[in-house]
Amino acid sequence: MTVDTHAGRPTAAIVATDQNAALAAITRVFGRLEAALAAKDAAAFDSVFTDDVVFVNPAGSIFLNWDELHAYHLAAMGKSPDAEAHFEVLAVRFLAGGHAIVTVEQTLRTPDFSVTNCGTWVFTERDDSWWVCSVHNTNVAGSAQRRAVEAP
């Protein structure tokens, strides 16, 4: 006897009417984040997050609104002024009501180290713009690399 393990199992994703345009807009959000980090501009970096964002960084710290997240990013960017990031969208699931769950791989590089994390980002569409309302990041095991520091 063969059992259909998918019988009656729903999918979370819906077919959006203009999925390509939505994906392009979400991808642009990550481009804005890359540019803002390269410019060391925490305000521009945090401009994509909703006021009630919930953000979990790779170390497990939780920020429960925009003000907390922005204070964290101001401090983090001040400590690592030469940081660069690259975001790669791995998967997108568009949900009913103008929401999307986006799985992203982010590589962060500084003069001292590089690390890769994987994140689940929740987007919401408001007034023809895509906003980030929730993020949960976790470091990819074994991805952290310290650069050798040369003795003077």
Protein backbone atom coordinates (compact mmCIF):
# COMPACT_ATOMS: atom_id res chain seq x y z
CA MET A 1 0.00 0.00 0.00
CA THR A 2 1.33 3.44 -0.97
CA VAL A 3 0.56 6.36 1.31
CA ASP A 4 0.45 9.84 -0.19
CA THR A 5 2.25 11.88 2.46
CA HIS A 6 1.18 15.13 0.80
CA ALA A 7 -2.56 14.40 0.68
CA GLY A 8 -4.45 17.20 2.37
CA ARG A 9 -1.24 19.02 3.37
CA PRO A 10 -1.52 22.74 2.59
CA THR A 11 1.25 25.04 1.48
CA ALA A 12 1.88 28.31 3.26
CA ALA A 13 2.69 30.20 0.08
CA ILE A 14 0.16 31.76 -2.23
CA VAL A 15 0.57 32.81 -5.82
CA ALA A 16 0.83 36.57 -5.75
CA THR A 17 -0.60 38.49 -8.67
CA ASP A 18 2.68 40.29 -9.26
CA GLN A 19 5.20 38.02 -7.56
CA ASN A 20 8.13 39.17 -9.72
CA ALA A 21 7.63 42.83 -8.78
CA ALA A 22 7.31 41.93 -5.09
CA LEU A 23 10.48 39.82 -5.21
CA ALA A 24 12.35 42.66 -6.94
CA ALA A 25 11.18 45.12 -4.26
CA ILE A 26 12.26 42.79 -1.44
CA THR A 27 15.62 42.21 -3.11
CA ARG A 28 16.08 46.00 -3.30
CA VAL A 29 15.56 46.18 0.47
CA PHE A 30 18.61 43.96 0.96
CA GLY A 31 20.57 46.12 -1.49
CA ARG A 32 19.67 49.17 0.62
CA LEU A 33 20.93 47.35 3.72
CA GLU A 34 24.25 46.54 2.04
CA ALA A 35 24.71 50.15 0.90
CA ALA A 36 23.76 51.58 4.29
CA LEU A 37 26.23 49.35 6.11
CA ALA A 38 29.00 50.25 3.66
CA ALA A 39 28.18 53.93 4.31
CA LYS A 40 28.16 53.33 8.09
CA ASP A 41 24.66 54.84 8.18
CA ALA A 42 22.62 53.18 10.94
CA ALA A 43 19.59 55.40 10.24
CA ALA A 44 19.51 54.33 6.58
CA PHE A 45 20.11 50.70 7.60
CA ASP A 46 17.21 50.74 10.04
CA SER A 47 14.87 52.64 7.70
CA VAL A 48 13.49 49.34 6.33
CA PHE A 49 12.19 48.10 9.71
CA THR A 50 8.70 48.66 11.14
CA ASP A 51 8.30 50.53 14.41
CA ASP A 52 7.24 47.29 16.14
CA VAL A 53 10.00 45.12 14.65
CA VAL A 54 11.20 42.07 16.58
CA PHE A 55 14.84 41.34 15.77
CA VAL A 56 17.00 38.48 17.05
CA ASN A 57 20.68 38.85 16.19
CA PRO A 58 22.99 35.87 15.59
CA ALA A 59 24.19 35.99 19.22
CA GLY A 60 20.61 35.62 20.47
CA SER A 61 20.01 39.20 21.65
CA ILE A 62 16.39 40.27 21.20
CA PHE A 63 15.31 43.78 20.24
CA LEU A 64 11.58 44.40 20.61
CA ASN A 65 11.07 47.61 18.66
CA TRP A 66 12.75 50.03 16.27
CA ASP A 67 14.31 52.18 19.01
CA GLU A 68 16.05 49.18 20.62
CA LEU A 69 17.23 47.88 17.25
CA HIS A 70 18.52 51.27 16.16
CA ALA A 71 20.48 51.76 19.40
CA TYR A 72 22.05 48.31 18.85
CA HIS A 73 22.99 49.11 15.23
CA LEU A 74 24.42 52.52 16.18
CA ALA A 75 26.69 50.86 18.73
CA ALA A 76 27.61 47.91 16.48
CA MET A 77 28.49 50.14 13.52
CA GLY A 78 30.57 52.34 15.80
CA LYS A 79 32.63 49.35 16.92
CA SER A 80 33.21 48.01 13.40
CA PRO A 81 33.45 50.97 11.06
CA ASP A 82 34.71 48.98 8.06
CA ALA A 83 32.01 46.30 7.94
CA GLU A 84 30.52 45.10 4.66
CA ALA A 85 27.62 42.72 4.18
CA HIS A 86 26.27 40.66 1.34
CA PHE A 87 22.74 39.25 1.46
CA GLU A 88 21.67 36.32 -0.71
CA VAL A 89 17.97 35.54 -0.87
CA LEU A 90 17.61 31.75 -0.64
CA ALA A 91 13.82 31.39 -0.60
CA VAL A 92 10.69 33.55 -0.56
CA ARG A 93 7.20 32.48 0.43
CA PHE A 94 4.49 35.04 -0.25
CA LEU A 95 1.59 34.78 2.20
CA ALA A 96 -1.92 36.12 2.13
CA GLY A 97 -2.44 39.67 3.31
CA GLY A 98 0.71 41.13 1.78
CA HIS A 99 3.29 39.24 3.81
CA ALA A 100 6.40 37.33 2.83
CA ILE A 101 8.77 35.01 4.66
CA VAL A 102 12.27 35.36 3.24
CA THR A 103 15.19 33.07 4.03
CA VAL A 104 18.49 34.90 3.62
CA GLU A 105 22.17 34.10 3.92
CA GLN A 106 24.22 37.09 5.05
CA THR A 107 27.99 37.29 5.04
CA LEU A 108 29.50 40.04 7.17
CA ARG A 109 33.13 41.00 6.63
CA THR A 110 35.32 43.36 8.62
CA PRO A 111 39.09 43.83 8.53
CA ASP A 112 39.28 41.45 11.52
CA PHE A 113 36.81 38.66 10.74
CA SER A 114 34.07 37.31 8.53
CA VAL A 115 30.99 35.36 9.54
CA THR A 116 27.96 33.99 7.73
CA ASN A 117 24.50 33.75 9.21
CA CYS A 118 21.17 32.51 7.98
CA GLY A 119 18.08 34.52 8.73
CA THR A 120 14.33 34.28 8.51
CA TRP A 121 12.93 37.69 7.67
CA VAL A 122 9.21 38.52 7.73
CA PHE A 123 8.12 41.33 5.43
CA THR A 124 4.82 43.17 5.32
CA GLU A 125 3.62 45.33 2.45
CA ARG A 126 2.23 48.73 3.37
CA ASP A 127 1.41 51.50 0.88
CA ASP A 128 3.31 49.80 -1.96
CA SER A 129 6.48 49.38 0.15
CA TRP A 130 7.90 46.24 1.74
CA TRP A 131 8.86 46.60 5.42
CA VAL A 132 10.73 44.18 7.68
CA CYS A 133 8.68 43.36 10.78
CA SER A 134 10.57 40.37 12.19
CA VAL A 135 14.06 38.86 11.82
CA HIS A 136 15.66 35.82 13.41
CA ASN A 137 19.33 35.23 12.59
CA THR A 138 21.63 32.37 13.48
CA ASN A 139 25.29 31.93 12.69
CA VAL A 140 26.18 29.21 10.20
CA ALA A 141 28.29 26.65 12.06
CA GLY A 142 31.99 26.93 11.24
CA SER A 143 31.65 30.11 9.19
CA ALA A 144 33.46 32.49 11.54
CA GLN A 145 37.00 33.25 10.45
CA ARG A 146 39.39 35.57 12.23
CA ARG A 147 42.04 37.23 10.15
CA ALA A 148 45.58 36.90 11.43
CA VAL A 149 46.82 40.03 13.10
CA GLU A 150 50.38 40.79 12.18
CA ALA A 151 52.76 41.76 14.95
CA PRO A 152 54.18 45.30 14.67
